[in-house]
């Protein structure tokens, strides 16, 4: 004995038109890009600090739509180190809680010697390009800010030779 199952037909185009062509965020499948934040700057800047400093105009402010989302942060710029070692990281600041943390979260982090990306070489332009994931656990406004440091207090340049520095933040639904 066999059983025949049937389902009434529907017109996909009509269903999408009912939604004005927009799928609600809540109904989007896992892995969907919910929103994107982007910034770029062409301003060369430098610092001679052995503590992390913010790279001017290299941040994205974004409010996740879901606290369970993944945030994918991609940075691209050019750095130049004058002696010692340059380190680059992302500072995450959650507005409502006021909590700030560098998101590399290296187990030996001492505030200077560890970061997402590190370079050595006096007077050499280095491509600084990395991607890191963050799970914010909140829908509060978050700032993702590029920071840099030179471990010996020598100069470190960002957007070296006047290149373009960019940060892209994508919210991915889980």
N, C-alpha and C. Protein backbone atom coordinates (compact mmCIF):
# COMPACT_ATOMS: atom_id res chain seq x y z
N UNK A 1 0.84 -1.17 0.00
CA UNK A 1 0.00 0.00 0.00
C UNK A 1 0.89 1.24 0.00
N UNK A 2 0.61 2.20 -0.84
CA UNK A 2 1.38 3.44 -0.89
C UNK A 2 0.47 4.61 -0.54
N UNK A 3 1.13 5.64 -0.06
CA UNK A 3 0.40 6.85 0.33
C UNK A 3 0.87 7.98 -0.56
N UNK A 4 -0.03 8.73 -1.08
CA UNK A 4 0.30 9.87 -1.91
C UNK A 4 0.06 11.15 -1.11
N UNK A 5 1.10 11.98 -1.02
CA UNK A 5 1.01 13.26 -0.30
C UNK A 5 1.06 14.37 -1.33
N UNK A 6 0.20 15.32 -1.19
CA UNK A 6 0.23 16.46 -2.11
C UNK A 6 0.12 17.75 -1.30
N UNK A 7 0.67 18.77 -1.89
CA UNK A 7 0.65 20.08 -1.26
C UNK A 7 0.13 21.07 -2.29
N UNK A 8 -0.69 21.97 -1.86
CA UNK A 8 -1.23 22.92 -2.81
C UNK A 8 -0.12 23.81 -3.37
N UNK A 9 -0.26 24.16 -4.62
CA UNK A 9 0.74 24.99 -5.27
C UNK A 9 0.62 26.43 -4.80
N UNK A 10 1.76 27.14 -4.91
CA UNK A 10 1.73 28.57 -4.63
C UNK A 10 2.69 29.26 -5.58
N UNK A 11 2.49 30.51 -5.78
CA UNK A 11 3.32 31.30 -6.67
C UNK A 11 4.33 32.07 -5.83
N UNK A 12 5.60 31.72 -5.99
CA UNK A 12 6.66 32.35 -5.21
C UNK A 12 6.69 33.87 -5.44
N UNK A 13 6.52 34.29 -6.66
CA UNK A 13 6.53 35.72 -6.97
C UNK A 13 5.43 36.45 -6.19
N UNK A 14 4.23 35.85 -6.13
CA UNK A 14 3.13 36.47 -5.37
C UNK A 14 3.48 36.56 -3.88
N UNK A 15 4.10 35.51 -3.34
CA UNK A 15 4.48 35.53 -1.92
C UNK A 15 5.50 36.63 -1.65
N UNK A 16 6.49 36.79 -2.52
CA UNK A 16 7.48 37.84 -2.35
C UNK A 16 6.85 39.23 -2.48
N UNK A 17 5.90 39.37 -3.40
CA UNK A 17 5.21 40.65 -3.55
C UNK A 17 4.42 41.01 -2.30
N UNK A 18 3.87 39.98 -1.63
CA UNK A 18 3.16 40.23 -0.37
C UNK A 18 4.10 40.84 0.67
N UNK A 19 5.38 40.49 0.59
CA UNK A 19 6.38 41.01 1.53
C UNK A 19 7.07 42.26 1.00
N UNK A 20 6.56 42.82 -0.09
CA UNK A 20 7.19 43.96 -0.76
C UNK A 20 8.62 43.64 -1.18
N UNK A 21 8.90 42.37 -1.45
CA UNK A 21 10.23 41.96 -1.88
C UNK A 21 11.26 41.92 -0.77
N UNK A 22 10.84 42.11 0.47
CA UNK A 22 11.77 42.13 1.60
C UNK A 22 11.43 41.01 2.57
N UNK A 23 12.44 40.24 2.91
CA UNK A 23 12.26 39.18 3.89
C UNK A 23 12.59 39.75 5.26
N UNK A 24 11.72 39.57 6.25
CA UNK A 24 12.04 40.08 7.59
C UNK A 24 13.34 39.45 8.11
N UNK A 25 14.13 40.22 8.84
CA UNK A 25 15.41 39.73 9.37
C UNK A 25 15.23 38.44 10.16
N UNK A 26 14.15 38.35 10.91
CA UNK A 26 13.90 37.18 11.74
C UNK A 26 13.72 35.91 10.91
N UNK A 27 13.27 36.07 9.66
CA UNK A 27 13.00 34.91 8.80
C UNK A 27 14.19 34.56 7.91
N UNK A 28 15.23 35.36 7.93
CA UNK A 28 16.40 35.08 7.09
C UNK A 28 17.14 33.87 7.64
N UNK A 29 17.71 33.04 6.77
CA UNK A 29 18.40 31.83 7.23
C UNK A 29 19.75 32.15 7.87
N UNK A 30 20.24 31.22 8.69
CA UNK A 30 21.57 31.36 9.28
C UNK A 30 22.59 31.53 8.17
N UNK A 31 23.59 32.36 8.43
CA UNK A 31 24.62 32.64 7.43
C UNK A 31 24.32 33.85 6.58
N UNK A 32 23.11 34.43 6.72
CA UNK A 32 22.75 35.61 5.94
C UNK A 32 23.47 36.84 6.48
N UNK A 33 23.90 37.70 5.57
CA UNK A 33 24.47 38.99 5.96
C UNK A 33 23.30 39.91 6.27
N UNK A 34 23.23 40.36 7.52
CA UNK A 34 22.11 41.20 7.96
C UNK A 34 22.38 42.68 7.67
N UNK A 35 23.61 43.12 7.93
CA UNK A 35 23.97 44.50 7.64
C UNK A 35 25.48 44.61 7.52
N UNK A 36 25.92 45.70 6.88
CA UNK A 36 27.34 45.93 6.67
C UNK A 36 27.65 47.38 7.04
N UNK A 37 28.74 47.56 7.79
CA UNK A 37 29.26 48.90 8.08
C UNK A 37 30.63 49.02 7.44
N UNK A 38 30.96 50.21 6.94
CA UNK A 38 32.22 50.40 6.21
C UNK A 38 32.73 51.80 6.42
N UNK A 39 34.04 51.93 6.51
CA UNK A 39 34.65 53.25 6.53
C UNK A 39 35.99 53.18 5.83
N UNK A 40 36.44 54.33 5.34
CA UNK A 40 37.77 54.42 4.74
C UNK A 40 38.36 55.78 5.02
N UNK A 41 39.69 55.82 5.03
CA UNK A 41 40.39 57.08 5.20
C UNK A 41 41.66 57.06 4.38
N UNK A 42 42.08 58.23 3.95
CA UNK A 42 43.32 58.38 3.18
C UNK A 42 44.35 59.19 3.97
N UNK A 43 44.04 59.50 5.21
CA UNK A 43 44.91 60.35 6.02
C UNK A 43 46.03 59.54 6.66
N UNK A 44 47.27 59.87 6.31
CA UNK A 44 48.41 59.22 6.96
C UNK A 44 48.51 59.76 8.38
N UNK A 45 48.79 58.88 9.32
CA UNK A 45 48.95 59.28 10.72
C UNK A 45 50.05 58.46 11.35
N UNK A 46 50.57 58.94 12.45
CA UNK A 46 51.63 58.21 13.13
C UNK A 46 51.56 58.46 14.62
N UNK A 47 52.20 57.58 15.36
CA UNK A 47 52.29 57.73 16.81
C UNK A 47 53.61 57.12 17.27
N UNK A 48 54.11 57.63 18.37
CA UNK A 48 55.33 57.12 19.00
C UNK A 48 55.00 56.73 20.42
N UNK A 49 54.17 55.74 20.56
CA UNK A 49 53.69 55.35 21.88
C UNK A 49 53.94 53.87 22.08
N UNK A 50 54.23 53.50 23.33
CA UNK A 50 54.34 52.07 23.62
C UNK A 50 53.05 51.56 24.25
N UNK A 51 51.95 52.32 24.08
CA UNK A 51 50.60 51.90 24.43
C UNK A 51 49.75 52.02 23.18
N UNK A 52 48.76 51.16 23.07
CA UNK A 52 47.89 51.21 21.90
C UNK A 52 47.22 52.57 21.78
N UNK A 53 47.15 53.09 20.54
CA UNK A 53 46.45 54.35 20.25
C UNK A 53 45.45 54.08 19.13
N UNK A 54 44.38 54.87 19.11
CA UNK A 54 43.36 54.74 18.08
C UNK A 54 43.85 55.32 16.76
N UNK A 55 43.61 54.62 15.68
CA UNK A 55 43.86 55.14 14.34
C UNK A 55 42.68 56.05 13.98
N UNK A 56 42.97 57.32 13.70
CA UNK A 56 41.92 58.30 13.41
C UNK A 56 41.09 57.87 12.21
N UNK A 57 39.80 58.02 12.32
CA UNK A 57 38.84 57.73 11.24
C UNK A 57 38.84 56.27 10.80
N UNK A 58 39.36 55.37 11.63
CA UNK A 58 39.39 53.94 11.29
C UNK A 58 38.52 53.18 12.28
N UNK A 59 37.21 53.46 12.21
CA UNK A 59 36.26 52.77 13.08
C UNK A 59 34.92 52.63 12.38
N UNK A 60 34.15 51.64 12.85
CA UNK A 60 32.77 51.46 12.39
C UNK A 60 31.89 51.35 13.62
N UNK A 61 30.81 52.12 13.65
CA UNK A 61 29.78 52.02 14.69
C UNK A 61 28.63 51.20 14.12
N UNK A 62 28.18 50.19 14.87
CA UNK A 62 27.13 49.31 14.37
C UNK A 62 26.33 48.76 15.55
N UNK A 63 25.03 48.65 15.37
CA UNK A 63 24.14 48.03 16.38
C UNK A 63 23.66 46.70 15.81
N UNK A 64 24.13 45.59 16.36
CA UNK A 64 23.67 44.29 15.85
C UNK A 64 22.15 44.15 15.99
N UNK A 65 21.52 43.53 15.03
CA UNK A 65 20.07 43.30 15.11
C UNK A 65 19.74 42.13 16.03
N UNK A 66 20.71 41.20 16.18
CA UNK A 66 20.52 40.04 17.05
C UNK A 66 21.73 39.90 17.97
N UNK A 67 21.51 39.60 19.23
CA UNK A 67 22.63 39.44 20.16
C UNK A 67 23.44 38.18 19.86
N UNK A 68 22.85 37.24 19.14
CA UNK A 68 23.54 35.99 18.81
C UNK A 68 24.33 36.06 17.50
N UNK A 69 24.29 37.19 16.82
CA UNK A 69 24.97 37.32 15.53
C UNK A 69 26.48 37.24 15.69
N UNK A 70 27.14 36.86 14.59
CA UNK A 70 28.59 36.97 14.50
C UNK A 70 28.89 38.26 13.76
N UNK A 71 29.93 38.95 14.21
CA UNK A 71 30.40 40.14 13.51
C UNK A 71 31.74 39.77 12.89
N UNK A 72 31.87 39.97 11.60
CA UNK A 72 33.12 39.71 10.89
C UNK A 72 33.75 41.06 10.58
N UNK A 73 34.94 41.31 11.14
CA UNK A 73 35.63 42.59 11.00
C UNK A 73 36.84 42.38 10.10
N UNK A 74 36.91 43.14 9.01
CA UNK A 74 38.04 43.06 8.08
C UNK A 74 38.70 44.42 8.01
N UNK A 75 40.04 44.43 8.14
CA UNK A 75 40.83 45.66 8.11
C UNK A 75 41.85 45.55 7.00
N UNK A 76 42.05 46.65 6.30
CA UNK A 76 43.13 46.73 5.33
C UNK A 76 43.73 48.13 5.37
N UNK A 77 45.04 48.19 5.51
CA UNK A 77 45.76 49.45 5.45
C UNK A 77 47.22 49.15 5.17
N UNK A 78 48.05 50.16 5.21
CA UNK A 78 49.49 50.01 5.10
C UNK A 78 50.11 50.62 6.34
N UNK A 79 51.05 49.92 6.94
CA UNK A 79 51.76 50.42 8.11
C UNK A 79 53.25 50.48 7.84
N UNK A 80 53.92 51.40 8.51
CA UNK A 80 55.37 51.48 8.43
C UNK A 80 55.90 51.64 9.84
N UNK A 81 56.89 50.85 10.17
CA UNK A 81 57.45 50.83 11.51
C UNK A 81 58.86 51.41 11.45
N UNK A 82 59.15 52.34 12.33
CA UNK A 82 60.50 52.90 12.47
C UNK A 82 61.15 52.25 13.69
N UNK A 83 61.77 51.10 13.48
CA UNK A 83 62.41 50.39 14.59
C UNK A 83 61.42 49.58 15.39
N UNK A 84 61.94 48.58 16.09
CA UNK A 84 61.16 47.71 16.96
C UNK A 84 60.03 47.00 16.23
N UNK A 85 58.90 46.82 16.91
CA UNK A 85 57.79 46.03 16.36
C UNK A 85 56.50 46.83 16.40
N UNK A 86 55.73 46.75 15.34
CA UNK A 86 54.41 47.35 15.30
C UNK A 86 53.35 46.29 15.50
N UNK A 87 52.33 46.64 16.25
CA UNK A 87 51.22 45.74 16.52
C UNK A 87 49.92 46.45 16.15
N UNK A 88 48.95 45.66 15.66
CA UNK A 88 47.66 46.20 15.25
C UNK A 88 46.56 45.34 15.85
N UNK A 89 45.49 45.98 16.29
CA UNK A 89 44.40 45.26 16.94
C UNK A 89 43.11 46.05 16.76
N UNK A 90 42.00 45.45 17.17
CA UNK A 90 40.69 46.11 17.14
C UNK A 90 40.23 46.32 18.57
N UNK A 91 39.86 47.55 18.91
CA UNK A 91 39.26 47.86 20.20
C UNK A 91 37.75 47.85 20.00
N UNK A 92 37.07 47.03 20.79
CA UNK A 92 35.60 46.93 20.76
C UNK A 92 35.07 47.68 21.97
N UNK A 93 34.24 48.69 21.75
CA UNK A 93 33.62 49.44 22.83
C UNK A 93 32.11 49.35 22.70
N UNK A 94 31.46 48.84 23.74
CA UNK A 94 30.00 48.74 23.76
C UNK A 94 29.47 49.97 24.49
N UNK A 95 28.67 50.76 23.79
CA UNK A 95 28.25 52.07 24.28
C UNK A 95 27.53 52.02 25.62
N UNK A 96 26.46 51.24 25.73
CA UNK A 96 25.65 51.27 26.95
C UNK A 96 26.40 50.76 28.18
N UNK A 97 27.24 49.74 28.02
CA UNK A 97 27.96 49.20 29.17
C UNK A 97 29.25 49.95 29.43
N UNK A 98 29.77 50.64 28.41
CA UNK A 98 31.03 51.35 28.55
C UNK A 98 32.24 50.41 28.59
N UNK A 99 32.04 49.14 28.31
CA UNK A 99 33.13 48.16 28.34
C UNK A 99 33.92 48.24 27.04
N UNK A 100 35.26 48.33 27.19
CA UNK A 100 36.15 48.32 26.04
C UNK A 100 37.15 47.19 26.20
N UNK A 101 37.40 46.48 25.10
CA UNK A 101 38.40 45.41 25.12
C UNK A 101 38.98 45.26 23.73
N UNK A 102 40.27 44.93 23.68
CA UNK A 102 40.88 44.59 22.40
C UNK A 102 40.46 43.16 22.09
N UNK A 103 40.00 42.90 20.88
CA UNK A 103 39.36 41.62 20.62
C UNK A 103 40.32 40.51 20.21
N UNK A 104 41.62 40.77 20.12
CA UNK A 104 42.54 39.66 19.85
C UNK A 104 42.54 38.69 21.02
N UNK A 105 42.38 39.22 22.22
CA UNK A 105 42.28 38.40 23.45
C UNK A 105 43.38 37.35 23.55
N UNK A 106 44.60 37.73 23.22
CA UNK A 106 45.73 36.81 23.32
C UNK A 106 45.93 36.43 24.78
N UNK A 107 46.18 35.15 25.03
CA UNK A 107 46.27 34.65 26.41
C UNK A 107 47.40 35.29 27.21
N UNK A 108 48.43 35.81 26.53
CA UNK A 108 49.55 36.45 27.23
C UNK A 108 49.51 37.97 27.12
N UNK A 109 48.37 38.53 26.73
CA UNK A 109 48.26 39.97 26.47
C UNK A 109 48.76 40.79 27.64
N UNK A 110 49.72 41.67 27.36
CA UNK A 110 50.24 42.58 28.37
C UNK A 110 49.97 44.04 28.00
N UNK A 111 49.11 44.26 26.99
CA UNK A 111 48.74 45.61 26.60
C UNK A 111 49.67 46.23 25.58
N UNK A 112 50.76 45.55 25.21
CA UNK A 112 51.71 46.10 24.24
C UNK A 112 52.19 45.07 23.23
N UNK A 113 52.60 43.91 23.69
CA UNK A 113 53.35 42.98 22.86
C UNK A 113 52.52 42.00 22.05
N UNK A 114 51.21 42.06 22.13
CA UNK A 114 50.38 41.12 21.40
C UNK A 114 49.28 41.87 20.66
N UNK A 115 48.87 41.34 19.52
CA UNK A 115 47.82 41.94 18.72
C UNK A 115 47.37 40.95 17.67
N UNK A 116 46.47 41.38 16.81
CA UNK A 116 46.00 40.53 15.74
C UNK A 116 47.07 40.41 14.66
N UNK A 117 47.79 41.50 14.42
CA UNK A 117 48.80 41.53 13.37
C UNK A 117 50.04 42.20 13.90
N UNK A 118 51.23 41.71 13.52
CA UNK A 118 52.49 42.26 14.03
C UNK A 118 53.53 42.29 12.91
N UNK A 119 54.35 43.36 12.91
CA UNK A 119 55.37 43.51 11.88
C UNK A 119 56.66 44.02 12.48
N UNK A 120 57.77 43.66 11.83
CA UNK A 120 59.09 44.18 12.16
C UNK A 120 59.72 44.69 10.88
N UNK A 121 60.74 45.50 11.00
CA UNK A 121 61.45 45.98 9.81
C UNK A 121 61.42 47.48 9.73
N UNK A 122 62.57 48.10 9.87
CA UNK A 122 62.69 49.54 9.92
C UNK A 122 62.44 50.17 8.55
N UNK A 123 61.46 51.07 8.48
CA UNK A 123 61.20 51.86 7.28
C UNK A 123 60.60 51.09 6.12
N UNK A 124 60.01 49.94 6.38
CA UNK A 124 59.42 49.13 5.31
C UNK A 124 57.90 49.26 5.39
N UNK A 125 57.27 49.48 4.25
CA UNK A 125 55.81 49.50 4.21
C UNK A 125 55.29 48.07 4.26
N UNK A 126 54.39 47.79 5.18
CA UNK A 126 53.79 46.47 5.34
C UNK A 126 52.29 46.58 5.08
N UNK A 127 51.76 45.61 4.36
CA UNK A 127 50.30 45.53 4.23
C UNK A 127 49.77 45.01 5.56
N UNK A 128 48.84 45.73 6.13
CA UNK A 128 48.17 45.31 7.35
C UNK A 128 46.77 44.90 6.92
N UNK A 129 46.52 43.60 6.91
CA UNK A 129 45.24 43.10 6.44
C UNK A 129 44.87 41.89 7.28
N UNK A 130 43.72 41.96 7.93
CA UNK A 130 43.29 40.83 8.75
C UNK A 130 41.78 40.82 8.87
N UNK A 131 41.26 39.65 9.22
CA UNK A 131 39.84 39.45 9.47
C UNK A 131 39.71 38.73 10.80
N UNK A 132 38.79 39.17 11.63
CA UNK A 132 38.56 38.53 12.92
C UNK A 132 37.06 38.50 13.19
N UNK A 133 36.65 37.50 13.95
CA UNK A 133 35.24 37.32 14.29
C UNK A 133 34.99 37.78 15.73
N UNK A 134 33.83 38.36 15.95
CA UNK A 134 33.40 38.73 17.30
C UNK A 134 31.94 38.32 17.44
N UNK A 135 31.58 37.84 18.62
CA UNK A 135 30.18 37.57 18.93
C UNK A 135 29.82 38.53 20.05
N UNK A 136 29.12 39.62 19.70
CA UNK A 136 28.92 40.70 20.66
C UNK A 136 28.03 40.37 21.85
N UNK A 137 27.05 39.48 21.68
CA UNK A 137 26.16 39.15 22.79
C UNK A 137 25.25 40.29 23.21
N UNK A 138 25.06 41.28 22.35
CA UNK A 138 24.23 42.44 22.67
C UNK A 138 23.70 43.04 21.37
N UNK A 139 22.67 43.87 21.51
CA UNK A 139 22.20 44.67 20.38
C UNK A 139 22.50 46.15 20.59
N UNK A 140 23.29 46.44 21.62
CA UNK A 140 23.73 47.82 21.88
C UNK A 140 24.69 48.29 20.79
N UNK A 141 24.82 49.60 20.64
CA UNK A 141 25.76 50.18 19.69
C UNK A 141 27.18 49.78 20.07
N UNK A 142 27.94 49.31 19.08
CA UNK A 142 29.32 48.89 19.28
C UNK A 142 30.20 49.68 18.32
N UNK A 143 31.38 50.10 18.82
CA UNK A 143 32.40 50.70 17.96
C UNK A 143 33.55 49.72 17.84
N UNK A 144 33.90 49.39 16.58
CA UNK A 144 35.09 48.60 16.28
C UNK A 144 36.14 49.56 15.73
N UNK A 145 37.22 49.76 16.49
CA UNK A 145 38.23 50.79 16.22
C UNK A 145 39.60 50.16 16.00
N UNK A 146 40.28 50.49 14.90
CA UNK A 146 41.64 50.04 14.69
C UNK A 146 42.57 50.75 15.66
N UNK A 147 43.46 49.98 16.29
CA UNK A 147 44.49 50.54 17.17
C UNK A 147 45.86 50.04 16.73
N UNK A 148 46.90 50.81 17.08
CA UNK A 148 48.25 50.39 16.76
C UNK A 148 49.21 50.84 17.84
N UNK A 149 50.37 50.19 17.90
CA UNK A 149 51.37 50.48 18.91
C UNK A 149 52.74 50.11 18.34
N UNK A 150 53.79 50.75 18.85
CA UNK A 150 55.16 50.35 18.57
C UNK A 150 55.77 49.94 19.90
N UNK A 151 56.22 48.69 20.01
CA UNK A 151 56.65 48.15 21.30
C UNK A 151 57.86 48.86 21.89
N UNK A 152 58.59 49.65 21.08
CA UNK A 152 59.75 50.37 21.61
C UNK A 152 59.59 51.87 21.58
N UNK A 153 58.38 52.35 21.48
CA UNK A 153 58.06 53.79 21.44
C UNK A 153 58.64 54.51 20.23
N UNK A 154 59.02 53.77 19.19
CA UNK A 154 59.45 54.40 17.95
C UNK A 154 58.19 54.73 17.13
N UNK A 155 58.38 55.41 16.01
CA UNK A 155 57.21 55.81 15.22
C UNK A 155 56.62 54.64 14.44
N UNK A 156 55.30 54.61 14.40
CA UNK A 156 54.56 53.70 13.54
C UNK A 156 53.59 54.56 12.74
N UNK A 157 53.59 54.35 11.44
CA UNK A 157 52.69 55.07 10.53
C UNK A 157 51.56 54.15 10.10
N UNK A 158 50.37 54.72 9.95
CA UNK A 158 49.21 54.00 9.41
C UNK A 158 48.77 54.77 8.17
N UNK A 159 48.29 54.01 7.15
CA UNK A 159 48.05 54.55 5.82
C UNK A 159 49.37 55.08 5.27
N UNK A 160 50.45 54.31 5.50
CA UNK A 160 51.78 54.69 5.03
C UNK A 160 51.76 55.03 3.56
N UNK A 161 52.57 55.99 3.19
CA UNK A 161 52.65 56.51 1.82
C UNK A 161 51.27 56.87 1.28
N UNK A 162 50.41 57.32 2.16
CA UNK A 162 49.09 57.87 1.81
C UNK A 162 48.20 56.87 1.06
N UNK A 163 48.21 55.64 1.50
CA UNK A 163 47.31 54.62 0.95
C UNK A 163 45.92 54.80 1.55
N UNK A 164 45.01 53.93 1.18
CA UNK A 164 43.65 53.97 1.71
C UNK A 164 43.52 52.90 2.79
N UNK A 165 43.02 53.30 3.95
CA UNK A 165 42.74 52.35 5.02
C UNK A 165 41.25 52.10 5.09
N UNK A 166 40.85 50.83 5.26
CA UNK A 166 39.43 50.49 5.30
C UNK A 166 39.12 49.54 6.44
N UNK A 167 37.91 49.64 6.95
CA UNK A 167 37.36 48.66 7.90
C UNK A 167 35.95 48.31 7.41
N UNK A 168 35.67 47.03 7.35
CA UNK A 168 34.33 46.53 6.99
C UNK A 168 33.86 45.63 8.13
N UNK A 169 32.64 45.85 8.60
CA UNK A 169 32.03 45.01 9.63
C UNK A 169 30.74 44.44 9.06
N UNK A 170 30.63 43.11 9.06
CA UNK A 170 29.42 42.44 8.57
C UNK A 170 28.77 41.69 9.72
N UNK A 171 27.45 41.87 9.86
CA UNK A 171 26.70 41.09 10.82
C UNK A 171 26.15 39.85 10.11
N UNK A 172 26.46 38.67 10.65
CA UNK A 172 26.04 37.41 10.07
C UNK A 172 25.06 36.74 11.04
N UNK A 173 23.86 36.44 10.54
CA UNK A 173 22.84 35.81 11.38
C UNK A 173 23.21 34.38 11.70
N UNK A 174 22.98 33.99 12.95
CA UNK A 174 23.27 32.61 13.39
C UNK A 174 21.98 31.84 13.55
